[in-house]
Amino acid sequence: MKKLSMEELNRPTVEEFKQAEKIPLAIILDNVRSLNNVGSAFRTSDGFAIEKIYLCGITGTPPNREIQKTALGATESVEWEYHTETLGVIKALKNEGFTICSFEQVDISVMLHEFMPKPNQKYALVFGNEVFGIEQGVIEKSDVVIEIPQSGTKHSLNISVTLGIAIWDFAVKLGVLKSNK
């Protein structure tokens, strides 16, 4: 067993990535304050070939040195847009046929392991502010609110961790994970 070199990983160039087919997922960051979390969202979205990231409200945007620390260049490969209001993005994506899935703890949330995404359906996954979560108005306009069950003393996971778990889970359930080997 040996660690693979960068050449052996057979990764696409930024241009090849931009032209490649993407997973039918969009990411919406609703007032995310940590630039490291924004950078992690870009890097994870690149890793799973996500369609697009929507940066909303106070969420920082590239180019930014702090975002770049964790994005490691993914701001160049992943398509993104900035909007002042998250609800406008939700409305536009619903009009494009996206199902809006907010990741939050609410009274009628669906546990992630119980949620089954439908093939050939586009999904937008919403992640909120590190302290206050997703805005109530966004939750009310969501088609489903999904929760990652937890057993510890803390009430939430970091956004970058939640985002990674959620995207991986959707990719597995949609059967879209690809190997480069």
N, C-alpha and C. Protein backbone atom coordinates (compact mmCIF):
# COMPACT_ATOMS: atom_id res chain seq x y z
N MET A 1 0.86 -1.17 0.00
CA MET A 1 0.00 0.00 0.00
C MET A 1 0.90 1.23 0.00
N LYS A 2 0.61 2.17 -0.91
CA LYS A 2 1.38 3.41 -0.95
C LYS A 2 0.45 4.58 -1.21
N LYS A 3 0.82 5.71 -0.66
CA LYS A 3 0.07 6.93 -0.88
C LYS A 3 0.21 7.33 -2.34
N LEU A 4 -0.90 7.78 -2.95
CA LEU A 4 -0.88 8.19 -4.35
C LEU A 4 -0.30 9.58 -4.51
N SER A 5 0.45 9.77 -5.58
CA SER A 5 0.98 11.09 -5.90
C SER A 5 -0.12 11.94 -6.52
N MET A 6 0.13 13.23 -6.66
CA MET A 6 -0.84 14.12 -7.28
C MET A 6 -1.16 13.67 -8.71
N GLU A 7 -0.17 13.22 -9.44
CA GLU A 7 -0.38 12.75 -10.81
C GLU A 7 -1.24 11.49 -10.84
N GLU A 8 -1.00 10.59 -9.88
CA GLU A 8 -1.76 9.34 -9.82
C GLU A 8 -3.22 9.55 -9.43
N LEU A 9 -3.52 10.68 -8.80
CA LEU A 9 -4.91 10.96 -8.42
C LEU A 9 -5.77 11.28 -9.64
N ASN A 10 -5.12 11.66 -10.75
CA ASN A 10 -5.83 11.87 -12.03
C ASN A 10 -6.97 12.88 -11.91
N ARG A 11 -6.69 14.00 -11.27
CA ARG A 11 -7.71 15.04 -11.09
C ARG A 11 -7.84 15.88 -12.36
N PRO A 12 -9.05 16.36 -12.63
CA PRO A 12 -9.23 17.22 -13.81
C PRO A 12 -8.62 18.60 -13.59
N THR A 13 -8.34 19.31 -14.67
CA THR A 13 -7.93 20.70 -14.57
C THR A 13 -9.16 21.52 -14.21
N VAL A 14 -8.96 22.78 -13.85
CA VAL A 14 -10.09 23.67 -13.52
C VAL A 14 -11.02 23.76 -14.72
N GLU A 15 -10.48 23.91 -15.91
CA GLU A 15 -11.32 24.00 -17.12
C GLU A 15 -12.08 22.71 -17.38
N GLU A 16 -11.42 21.56 -17.21
CA GLU A 16 -12.11 20.27 -17.39
C GLU A 16 -13.22 20.13 -16.36
N PHE A 17 -12.96 20.55 -15.12
CA PHE A 17 -13.96 20.48 -14.06
C PHE A 17 -15.17 21.34 -14.40
N LYS A 18 -14.93 22.54 -14.88
CA LYS A 18 -16.03 23.44 -15.21
C LYS A 18 -16.93 22.86 -16.31
N GLN A 19 -16.35 22.08 -17.21
CA GLN A 19 -17.11 21.48 -18.31
C GLN A 19 -17.77 20.15 -17.92
N ALA A 20 -17.31 19.53 -16.85
CA ALA A 20 -17.79 18.20 -16.46
C ALA A 20 -19.21 18.25 -15.91
N GLU A 21 -19.88 17.12 -15.97
CA GLU A 21 -21.21 16.97 -15.39
C GLU A 21 -21.13 17.12 -13.88
N LYS A 22 -22.10 17.77 -13.30
CA LYS A 22 -22.12 18.02 -11.86
C LYS A 22 -23.25 17.24 -11.18
N ILE A 23 -23.09 17.05 -9.89
CA ILE A 23 -24.15 16.46 -9.07
C ILE A 23 -25.29 17.48 -9.02
N PRO A 24 -26.55 17.06 -9.11
CA PRO A 24 -27.66 18.02 -9.12
C PRO A 24 -27.94 18.61 -7.74
N LEU A 25 -26.90 19.23 -7.17
CA LEU A 25 -27.01 19.87 -5.85
C LEU A 25 -26.48 21.28 -5.94
N ALA A 26 -27.19 22.19 -5.28
CA ALA A 26 -26.70 23.55 -5.08
C ALA A 26 -26.56 23.75 -3.58
N ILE A 27 -25.62 24.57 -3.18
CA ILE A 27 -25.40 24.87 -1.77
C ILE A 27 -25.77 26.34 -1.54
N ILE A 28 -26.53 26.59 -0.48
CA ILE A 28 -26.88 27.96 -0.09
C ILE A 28 -26.32 28.21 1.30
N LEU A 29 -25.48 29.23 1.42
CA LEU A 29 -24.96 29.63 2.72
C LEU A 29 -25.71 30.87 3.16
N ASP A 30 -26.51 30.71 4.22
CA ASP A 30 -27.40 31.76 4.73
C ASP A 30 -26.72 32.48 5.90
N ASN A 31 -26.10 33.63 5.61
CA ASN A 31 -25.48 34.45 6.65
C ASN A 31 -24.39 33.72 7.44
N VAL A 32 -23.54 33.00 6.73
CA VAL A 32 -22.42 32.30 7.38
C VAL A 32 -21.33 33.33 7.65
N ARG A 33 -20.91 33.44 8.90
CA ARG A 33 -19.97 34.50 9.26
C ARG A 33 -18.51 34.09 9.17
N SER A 34 -18.21 32.81 9.30
CA SER A 34 -16.82 32.36 9.30
C SER A 34 -16.31 32.18 7.86
N LEU A 35 -15.27 32.91 7.53
CA LEU A 35 -14.69 32.78 6.19
C LEU A 35 -14.04 31.41 6.01
N ASN A 36 -13.58 30.79 7.09
CA ASN A 36 -13.06 29.43 7.00
C ASN A 36 -14.17 28.45 6.61
N ASN A 37 -15.36 28.64 7.15
CA ASN A 37 -16.49 27.78 6.76
C ASN A 37 -16.87 27.99 5.30
N VAL A 38 -16.79 29.23 4.84
CA VAL A 38 -17.08 29.51 3.43
C VAL A 38 -16.05 28.80 2.55
N GLY A 39 -14.78 28.90 2.92
CA GLY A 39 -13.73 28.21 2.16
C GLY A 39 -13.92 26.71 2.15
N SER A 40 -14.31 26.15 3.30
CA SER A 40 -14.58 24.71 3.38
C SER A 40 -15.74 24.31 2.49
N ALA A 41 -16.76 25.17 2.40
CA ALA A 41 -17.90 24.89 1.52
C ALA A 41 -17.43 24.81 0.07
N PHE A 42 -16.55 25.70 -0.33
CA PHE A 42 -16.02 25.66 -1.69
C PHE A 42 -15.21 24.38 -1.93
N ARG A 43 -14.34 24.05 -0.99
CA ARG A 43 -13.48 22.88 -1.18
C ARG A 43 -14.30 21.59 -1.22
N THR A 44 -15.28 21.46 -0.35
CA THR A 44 -16.13 20.27 -0.35
C THR A 44 -16.98 20.23 -1.62
N SER A 45 -17.48 21.37 -2.05
CA SER A 45 -18.28 21.43 -3.28
C SER A 45 -17.46 21.05 -4.49
N ASP A 46 -16.20 21.44 -4.52
CA ASP A 46 -15.30 21.01 -5.60
C ASP A 46 -15.11 19.50 -5.53
N GLY A 47 -14.85 18.99 -4.34
CA GLY A 47 -14.59 17.56 -4.17
C GLY A 47 -15.73 16.67 -4.63
N PHE A 48 -16.97 17.16 -4.53
CA PHE A 48 -18.13 16.37 -4.94
C PHE A 48 -18.76 16.86 -6.23
N ALA A 49 -18.14 17.81 -6.91
CA ALA A 49 -18.65 18.34 -8.19
C ALA A 49 -20.08 18.88 -8.05
N ILE A 50 -20.24 19.81 -7.12
CA ILE A 50 -21.53 20.46 -6.88
C ILE A 50 -21.78 21.50 -7.96
N GLU A 51 -23.04 21.67 -8.36
CA GLU A 51 -23.40 22.63 -9.40
C GLU A 51 -23.01 24.06 -9.10
N LYS A 52 -23.38 24.55 -7.91
CA LYS A 52 -23.19 25.97 -7.63
C LYS A 52 -23.35 26.25 -6.15
N ILE A 53 -22.67 27.30 -5.69
CA ILE A 53 -22.82 27.79 -4.33
C ILE A 53 -23.45 29.18 -4.39
N TYR A 54 -24.43 29.41 -3.52
CA TYR A 54 -25.06 30.73 -3.38
C TYR A 54 -24.65 31.28 -2.02
N LEU A 55 -23.96 32.40 -2.04
CA LEU A 55 -23.50 33.07 -0.84
C LEU A 55 -24.47 34.20 -0.54
N CYS A 56 -25.09 34.17 0.63
CA CYS A 56 -26.18 35.11 0.92
C CYS A 56 -25.96 35.90 2.20
N GLY A 57 -26.49 37.12 2.20
CA GLY A 57 -26.45 37.96 3.40
C GLY A 57 -25.04 38.37 3.77
N ILE A 58 -24.65 38.12 5.02
CA ILE A 58 -23.33 38.52 5.51
C ILE A 58 -22.23 37.55 5.10
N THR A 59 -22.57 36.48 4.40
CA THR A 59 -21.58 35.49 3.99
C THR A 59 -20.50 36.16 3.12
N GLY A 60 -19.25 35.92 3.47
CA GLY A 60 -18.13 36.48 2.72
C GLY A 60 -18.02 35.88 1.33
N THR A 61 -17.38 36.62 0.44
CA THR A 61 -17.23 36.19 -0.94
C THR A 61 -15.76 36.23 -1.37
N PRO A 62 -15.41 35.41 -2.34
CA PRO A 62 -14.07 35.51 -2.94
C PRO A 62 -13.99 36.79 -3.76
N PRO A 63 -12.82 37.30 -4.04
CA PRO A 63 -11.54 36.81 -3.52
C PRO A 63 -11.33 37.29 -2.09
N ASN A 64 -10.83 36.40 -1.28
CA ASN A 64 -10.59 36.72 0.12
C ASN A 64 -9.53 35.75 0.65
N ARG A 65 -8.50 36.30 1.26
CA ARG A 65 -7.39 35.48 1.75
C ARG A 65 -7.85 34.44 2.76
N GLU A 66 -8.76 34.80 3.65
CA GLU A 66 -9.24 33.86 4.67
C GLU A 66 -10.05 32.72 4.06
N ILE A 67 -10.85 33.02 3.05
CA ILE A 67 -11.60 31.96 2.35
C ILE A 67 -10.61 31.04 1.64
N GLN A 68 -9.62 31.63 1.00
CA GLN A 68 -8.64 30.87 0.23
C GLN A 68 -7.85 29.89 1.09
N LYS A 69 -7.64 30.21 2.38
CA LYS A 69 -6.89 29.31 3.27
C LYS A 69 -7.48 27.91 3.30
N THR A 70 -8.80 27.82 3.31
CA THR A 70 -9.43 26.50 3.36
C THR A 70 -9.95 26.05 1.99
N ALA A 71 -10.24 26.97 1.10
CA ALA A 71 -10.74 26.60 -0.23
C ALA A 71 -9.64 26.01 -1.10
N LEU A 72 -8.40 26.43 -0.89
CA LEU A 72 -7.25 25.93 -1.64
C LEU A 72 -7.46 25.96 -3.15
N GLY A 73 -8.03 27.05 -3.64
CA GLY A 73 -8.21 27.22 -5.09
C GLY A 73 -9.59 26.83 -5.61
N ALA A 74 -10.43 26.26 -4.76
CA ALA A 74 -11.75 25.81 -5.22
C ALA A 74 -12.67 26.97 -5.59
N THR A 75 -12.33 28.18 -5.19
CA THR A 75 -13.14 29.34 -5.60
C THR A 75 -13.00 29.59 -7.09
N GLU A 76 -11.98 29.01 -7.71
CA GLU A 76 -11.78 29.15 -9.16
C GLU A 76 -12.53 28.08 -9.94
N SER A 77 -12.82 26.95 -9.30
CA SER A 77 -13.45 25.84 -10.02
C SER A 77 -14.96 25.74 -9.80
N VAL A 78 -15.44 26.15 -8.64
CA VAL A 78 -16.86 26.02 -8.31
C VAL A 78 -17.58 27.32 -8.67
N GLU A 79 -18.67 27.18 -9.41
CA GLU A 79 -19.48 28.35 -9.77
C GLU A 79 -20.19 28.88 -8.54
N TRP A 80 -20.26 30.21 -8.41
CA TRP A 80 -20.92 30.80 -7.25
C TRP A 80 -21.53 32.14 -7.62
N GLU A 81 -22.49 32.55 -6.77
CA GLU A 81 -23.15 33.85 -6.89
C GLU A 81 -23.35 34.41 -5.50
N TYR A 82 -23.35 35.74 -5.40
CA TYR A 82 -23.68 36.39 -4.14
C TYR A 82 -25.05 37.07 -4.26
N HIS A 83 -25.86 36.96 -3.21
CA HIS A 83 -27.17 37.63 -3.13
C HIS A 83 -27.33 38.20 -1.72
N THR A 84 -27.92 39.38 -1.62
CA THR A 84 -28.11 39.99 -0.31
C THR A 84 -29.19 39.26 0.49
N GLU A 85 -30.18 38.69 -0.20
CA GLU A 85 -31.31 38.04 0.48
C GLU A 85 -31.40 36.56 0.11
N THR A 86 -31.40 35.71 1.11
CA THR A 86 -31.51 34.27 0.89
C THR A 86 -32.87 33.89 0.31
N LEU A 87 -33.94 34.56 0.76
CA LEU A 87 -35.28 34.21 0.29
C LEU A 87 -35.44 34.39 -1.22
N GLY A 88 -34.78 35.37 -1.80
CA GLY A 88 -34.83 35.55 -3.25
C GLY A 88 -34.21 34.38 -3.98
N VAL A 89 -33.12 33.85 -3.45
CA VAL A 89 -32.46 32.68 -4.04
C VAL A 89 -33.38 31.46 -3.93
N ILE A 90 -34.00 31.28 -2.76
CA ILE A 90 -34.92 30.16 -2.55
C ILE A 90 -36.05 30.21 -3.59
N LYS A 91 -36.64 31.36 -3.76
CA LYS A 91 -37.75 31.51 -4.71
C LYS A 91 -37.29 31.19 -6.14
N ALA A 92 -36.16 31.72 -6.54
CA ALA A 92 -35.65 31.48 -7.89
C ALA A 92 -35.35 30.00 -8.12
N LEU A 93 -34.73 29.35 -7.13
CA LEU A 93 -34.40 27.93 -7.30
C LEU A 93 -35.66 27.06 -7.31
N LYS A 94 -36.64 27.41 -6.50
CA LYS A 94 -37.92 26.67 -6.55
C LYS A 94 -38.54 26.79 -7.94
N ASN A 95 -38.46 27.97 -8.54
CA ASN A 95 -38.99 28.17 -9.90
C ASN A 95 -38.24 27.35 -10.94
N GLU A 96 -36.98 27.00 -10.63
CA GLU A 96 -36.17 26.16 -11.52
C GLU A 96 -36.35 24.68 -11.22
N GLY A 97 -37.23 24.35 -10.27
CA GLY A 97 -37.52 22.95 -9.97
C GLY A 97 -36.69 22.33 -8.86
N PHE A 98 -35.94 23.14 -8.13
CA PHE A 98 -35.14 22.61 -7.02
C PHE A 98 -36.02 22.33 -5.81
N THR A 99 -35.72 21.28 -5.08
CA THR A 99 -36.30 21.02 -3.77
C THR A 99 -35.37 21.65 -2.75
N ILE A 100 -35.91 22.46 -1.86
CA ILE A 100 -35.11 23.19 -0.88
C ILE A 100 -35.04 22.38 0.42
N CYS A 101 -33.83 22.01 0.81
CA CYS A 101 -33.59 21.22 2.02
C CYS A 101 -32.73 22.02 2.98
N SER A 102 -33.32 22.49 4.05
CA SER A 102 -32.56 23.24 5.06
C SER A 102 -32.06 22.27 6.12
N PHE A 103 -30.83 22.49 6.57
CA PHE A 103 -30.25 21.67 7.62
C PHE A 103 -30.31 22.45 8.92
N GLU A 104 -31.28 22.04 9.77
CA GLU A 104 -31.56 22.77 10.99
C GLU A 104 -32.32 21.85 11.94
N GLN A 105 -32.41 22.24 13.20
CA GLN A 105 -33.18 21.50 14.18
C GLN A 105 -34.51 22.24 14.38
N VAL A 106 -35.60 21.59 13.94
CA VAL A 106 -36.94 22.16 14.09
C VAL A 106 -37.87 21.08 14.63
N ASP A 107 -39.09 21.49 14.98
CA ASP A 107 -40.03 20.55 15.58
C ASP A 107 -40.45 19.41 14.65
N ILE A 108 -40.37 19.59 13.35
CA ILE A 108 -40.79 18.52 12.43
C ILE A 108 -39.66 18.15 11.45
N SER A 109 -38.42 18.20 11.94
CA SER A 109 -37.30 17.85 11.06
C SER A 109 -37.31 16.36 10.75
N VAL A 110 -36.72 16.03 9.60
CA VAL A 110 -36.54 14.65 9.16
C VAL A 110 -35.08 14.30 9.40
N MET A 111 -34.83 13.16 10.01
CA MET A 111 -33.45 12.75 10.26
C MET A 111 -32.78 12.41 8.92
N LEU A 112 -31.53 12.80 8.77
CA LEU A 112 -30.82 12.63 7.50
C LEU A 112 -30.86 11.19 7.01
N HIS A 113 -30.65 10.23 7.89
CA HIS A 113 -30.63 8.83 7.46
C HIS A 113 -32.02 8.34 7.01
N GLU A 114 -33.07 9.07 7.34
CA GLU A 114 -34.43 8.71 6.93
C GLU A 114 -34.88 9.43 5.66
N PHE A 115 -34.15 10.46 5.25
CA PHE A 115 -34.52 11.22 4.06
C PHE A 115 -33.95 10.54 2.82
N MET A 116 -34.81 10.28 1.84
CA MET A 116 -34.37 9.65 0.59
C MET A 116 -34.58 10.60 -0.58
N PRO A 117 -33.50 11.20 -1.08
CA PRO A 117 -33.65 12.06 -2.25
C PRO A 117 -34.08 11.24 -3.46
N LYS A 118 -34.83 11.88 -4.34
CA LYS A 118 -35.34 11.20 -5.54
C LYS A 118 -34.37 11.38 -6.69
N PRO A 119 -34.11 10.31 -7.43
CA PRO A 119 -33.26 10.45 -8.62
C PRO A 119 -33.88 11.46 -9.59
N ASN A 120 -33.06 12.11 -10.35
CA ASN A 120 -33.49 13.08 -11.36
C ASN A 120 -34.16 14.32 -10.77
N GLN A 121 -33.99 14.55 -9.48
CA GLN A 121 -34.51 15.75 -8.82
C GLN A 121 -33.32 16.62 -8.43
N LYS A 122 -33.46 17.92 -8.59
CA LYS A 122 -32.41 18.85 -8.18
C LYS A 122 -32.69 19.32 -6.75
N TYR A 123 -31.64 19.41 -5.94
CA TYR A 123 -31.77 19.81 -4.55
C TYR A 123 -30.87 21.00 -4.24
N ALA A 124 -31.37 21.90 -3.41
CA ALA A 124 -30.57 22.99 -2.86
C ALA A 124 -30.49 22.76 -1.35
N LEU A 125 -29.27 22.66 -0.85
CA LEU A 125 -29.05 22.41 0.57
C LEU A 125 -28.66 23.73 1.24
N VAL A 126 -29.43 24.09 2.28
CA VAL A 126 -29.24 25.37 2.96
C VAL A 126 -28.56 25.14 4.30
N PHE A 127 -27.51 25.95 4.55
CA PHE A 127 -26.77 25.91 5.81
C PHE A 127 -26.72 27.32 6.37
N GLY A 128 -26.92 27.45 7.70
CA GLY A 128 -27.09 28.77 8.29
C GLY A 128 -25.95 29.27 9.15
N ASN A 129 -26.19 30.40 9.74
CA ASN A 129 -25.26 31.10 10.61
C ASN A 129 -24.80 30.20 11.76
N GLU A 130 -23.53 30.31 12.11
CA GLU A 130 -22.92 29.46 13.13
C GLU A 130 -23.56 29.61 14.50
N VAL A 131 -24.14 30.75 14.81
CA VAL A 131 -24.74 30.98 16.12
C VAL A 131 -26.26 30.89 16.05
N PHE A 132 -26.86 31.54 15.06
CA PHE A 132 -28.32 31.66 15.00
C PHE A 132 -28.99 30.68 14.06
N GLY A 133 -28.23 29.93 13.28
CA GLY A 133 -28.80 28.96 12.35
C GLY A 133 -29.42 29.64 11.13
N ILE A 134 -30.34 28.94 10.52
CA ILE A 134 -31.02 29.42 9.32
C ILE A 134 -32.16 30.35 9.72
N GLU A 135 -32.33 31.43 8.98
CA GLU A 135 -33.41 32.38 9.24
C GLU A 135 -34.76 31.67 9.22
N GLN A 136 -35.66 32.04 10.12
CA GLN A 136 -36.98 31.42 10.21
C GLN A 136 -37.75 31.53 8.89
N GLY A 137 -37.66 32.65 8.21
CA GLY A 137 -38.34 32.81 6.93
C GLY A 137 -37.87 31.82 5.89
N VAL A 138 -36.58 31.49 5.92
CA VAL A 138 -36.03 30.49 4.99
C VAL A 138 -36.55 29.11 5.36
N ILE A 139 -36.58 28.82 6.65
CA ILE A 139 -37.11 27.52 7.10
C ILE A 139 -38.55 27.35 6.63
N GLU A 140 -39.36 28.40 6.76
CA GLU A 140 -40.76 28.33 6.35
C GLU A 140 -40.93 28.10 4.86
N LYS A 141 -39.99 28.53 4.04
CA LYS A 141 -40.07 28.35 2.59
C LYS A 141 -39.37 27.06 2.13
N SER A 142 -38.76 26.33 3.06
CA SER A 142 -38.09 25.08 2.71
C SER A 142 -39.11 23.97 2.45
N ASP A 143 -38.75 23.07 1.55
CA ASP A 143 -39.61 21.92 1.29
C ASP A 143 -39.46 20.86 2.37
N VAL A 144 -38.28 20.78 2.93
CA VAL A 144 -38.01 19.83 4.02
C VAL A 144 -36.88 20.41 4.86
N VAL A 145 -36.94 20.13 6.18
CA VAL A 145 -35.85 20.49 7.07
C VAL A 145 -35.26 19.19 7.58
N ILE A 146 -33.97 19.05 7.36
CA ILE A 146 -33.26 17.82 7.68
C ILE A 146 -32.33 18.07 8.87
N GLU A 147 -32.26 17.07 9.71
CA GLU A 147 -31.41 17.16 10.90
C GLU A 147 -30.45 15.97 10.93
N ILE A 148 -29.23 16.22 11.34
CA ILE A 148 -28.27 15.15 11.56
C ILE A 148 -28.35 14.78 13.03
N PRO A 149 -28.78 13.55 13.34
CA PRO A 149 -28.94 13.17 14.74
C PRO A 149 -27.60 13.21 15.48
N GLN A 150 -27.64 13.66 16.73
CA GLN A 150 -26.45 13.76 17.55
C GLN A 150 -26.74 13.23 18.94
N SER A 151 -25.72 12.72 19.59
CA SER A 151 -25.90 12.13 20.91
C SER A 151 -25.13 12.84 22.02
N GLY A 152 -24.30 13.82 21.68
CA GLY A 152 -23.45 14.47 22.67
C GLY A 152 -24.13 15.62 23.38
N THR A 153 -23.34 16.39 24.09
CA THR A 153 -23.86 17.50 24.88
C THR A 153 -24.02 18.78 24.08
N LYS A 154 -23.37 18.89 22.96
CA LYS A 154 -23.48 20.10 22.13
C LYS A 154 -24.75 20.03 21.29
N HIS A 155 -25.23 21.18 20.89
CA HIS A 155 -26.51 21.24 20.18
C HIS A 155 -26.37 21.25 18.66
N SER A 156 -25.13 21.36 18.18
CA SER A 156 -24.97 21.43 16.73
C SER A 156 -23.57 21.02 16.32
N LEU A 157 -23.41 20.80 15.03
CA LEU A 157 -22.11 20.53 14.43
C LEU A 157 -21.66 21.78 13.69
N ASN A 158 -20.37 21.91 13.47
CA ASN A 158 -19.86 23.01 12.67
C ASN A 158 -20.44 22.91 11.26
N ILE A 159 -20.66 24.05 10.63
CA ILE A 159 -21.24 24.08 9.28
C ILE A 159 -20.42 23.25 8.30
N SER A 160 -19.10 23.36 8.36
CA SER A 160 -18.28 22.63 7.40
C SER A 160 -18.44 21.12 7.58
N VAL A 161 -18.61 20.67 8.81
CA VAL A 161 -18.82 19.24 9.08
C VAL A 161 -20.21 18.83 8.59
N THR A 162 -21.22 19.62 8.93
CA THR A 162 -22.59 19.34 8.50
C THR A 162 -22.68 19.29 6.98
N LEU A 163 -22.06 20.25 6.33
CA LEU A 163 -22.07 20.31 4.87
C LEU A 163 -21.42 19.06 4.27
N GLY A 164 -20.28 18.65 4.80
CA GLY A 164 -19.60 17.46 4.29
C GLY A 164 -20.44 16.20 4.46
N ILE A 165 -21.03 16.03 5.64
CA ILE A 165 -21.88 14.87 5.89
C ILE A 165 -23.08 14.88 4.95
N ALA A 166 -23.72 16.03 4.82
CA ALA A 166 -24.94 16.15 4.00
C ALA A 166 -24.65 15.87 2.53
N ILE A 167 -23.61 16.49 1.98
CA ILE A 167 -23.30 16.28 0.57
C ILE A 167 -22.93 14.83 0.31
N TRP A 168 -22.11 14.25 1.17
CA TRP A 168 -21.72 12.85 0.99
C TRP A 168 -22.96 11.95 1.03
N ASP A 169 -23.85 12.20 1.99
CA ASP A 169 -25.06 11.39 2.12
C ASP A 169 -25.93 11.50 0.86
N PHE A 170 -26.14 12.70 0.36
CA PHE A 170 -26.92 12.88 -0.86
C PHE A 170 -26.24 12.19 -2.05
N ALA A 171 -24.92 12.34 -2.16
CA ALA A 171 -24.19 11.73 -3.28
C ALA A 171 -24.32 10.20 -3.25
N VAL A 172 -24.23 9.62 -2.06
CA VAL A 172 -24.37 8.16 -1.93
C VAL A 172 -25.79 7.74 -2.30
N LYS A 173 -26.79 8.40 -1.73
CA LYS A 173 -28.19 8.02 -1.97
C LYS A 173 -28.61 8.26 -3.42
N LEU A 174 -28.03 9.27 -4.08
CA LEU A 174 -28.35 9.53 -5.48
C LEU A 174 -27.51 8.67 -6.43
N GLY A 175 -26.54 7.95 -5.87
CA GLY A 175 -25.71 7.06 -6.67
C GLY A 175 -24.79 7.79 -7.63
N VAL A 176 -24.28 8.95 -7.25
CA VAL A 176 -23.49 9.76 -8.18
C VAL A 176 -22.00 9.85 -7.81
N LEU A 177 -21.56 9.12 -6.80
CA LEU A 177 -20.14 9.12 -6.47
C LEU A 177 -19.37 8.39 -7.56
N LYS A 178 -18.26 9.01 -7.97
CA LYS A 178 -17.46 8.42 -9.04
C LYS A 178 -16.04 8.19 -8.53
N SER A 179 -15.42 7.16 -9.01
CA SER A 179 -14.03 6.89 -8.68
C SER A 179 -13.16 7.35 -9.83
N ASN A 180 -12.00 7.89 -9.52
CA ASN A 180 -11.06 8.31 -10.55
C ASN A 180 -10.08 7.22 -10.90
N LYS A 181 -10.25 6.04 -10.32
CA LYS A 181 -9.32 4.93 -10.58
C LYS A 181 -9.73 4.14 -11.80
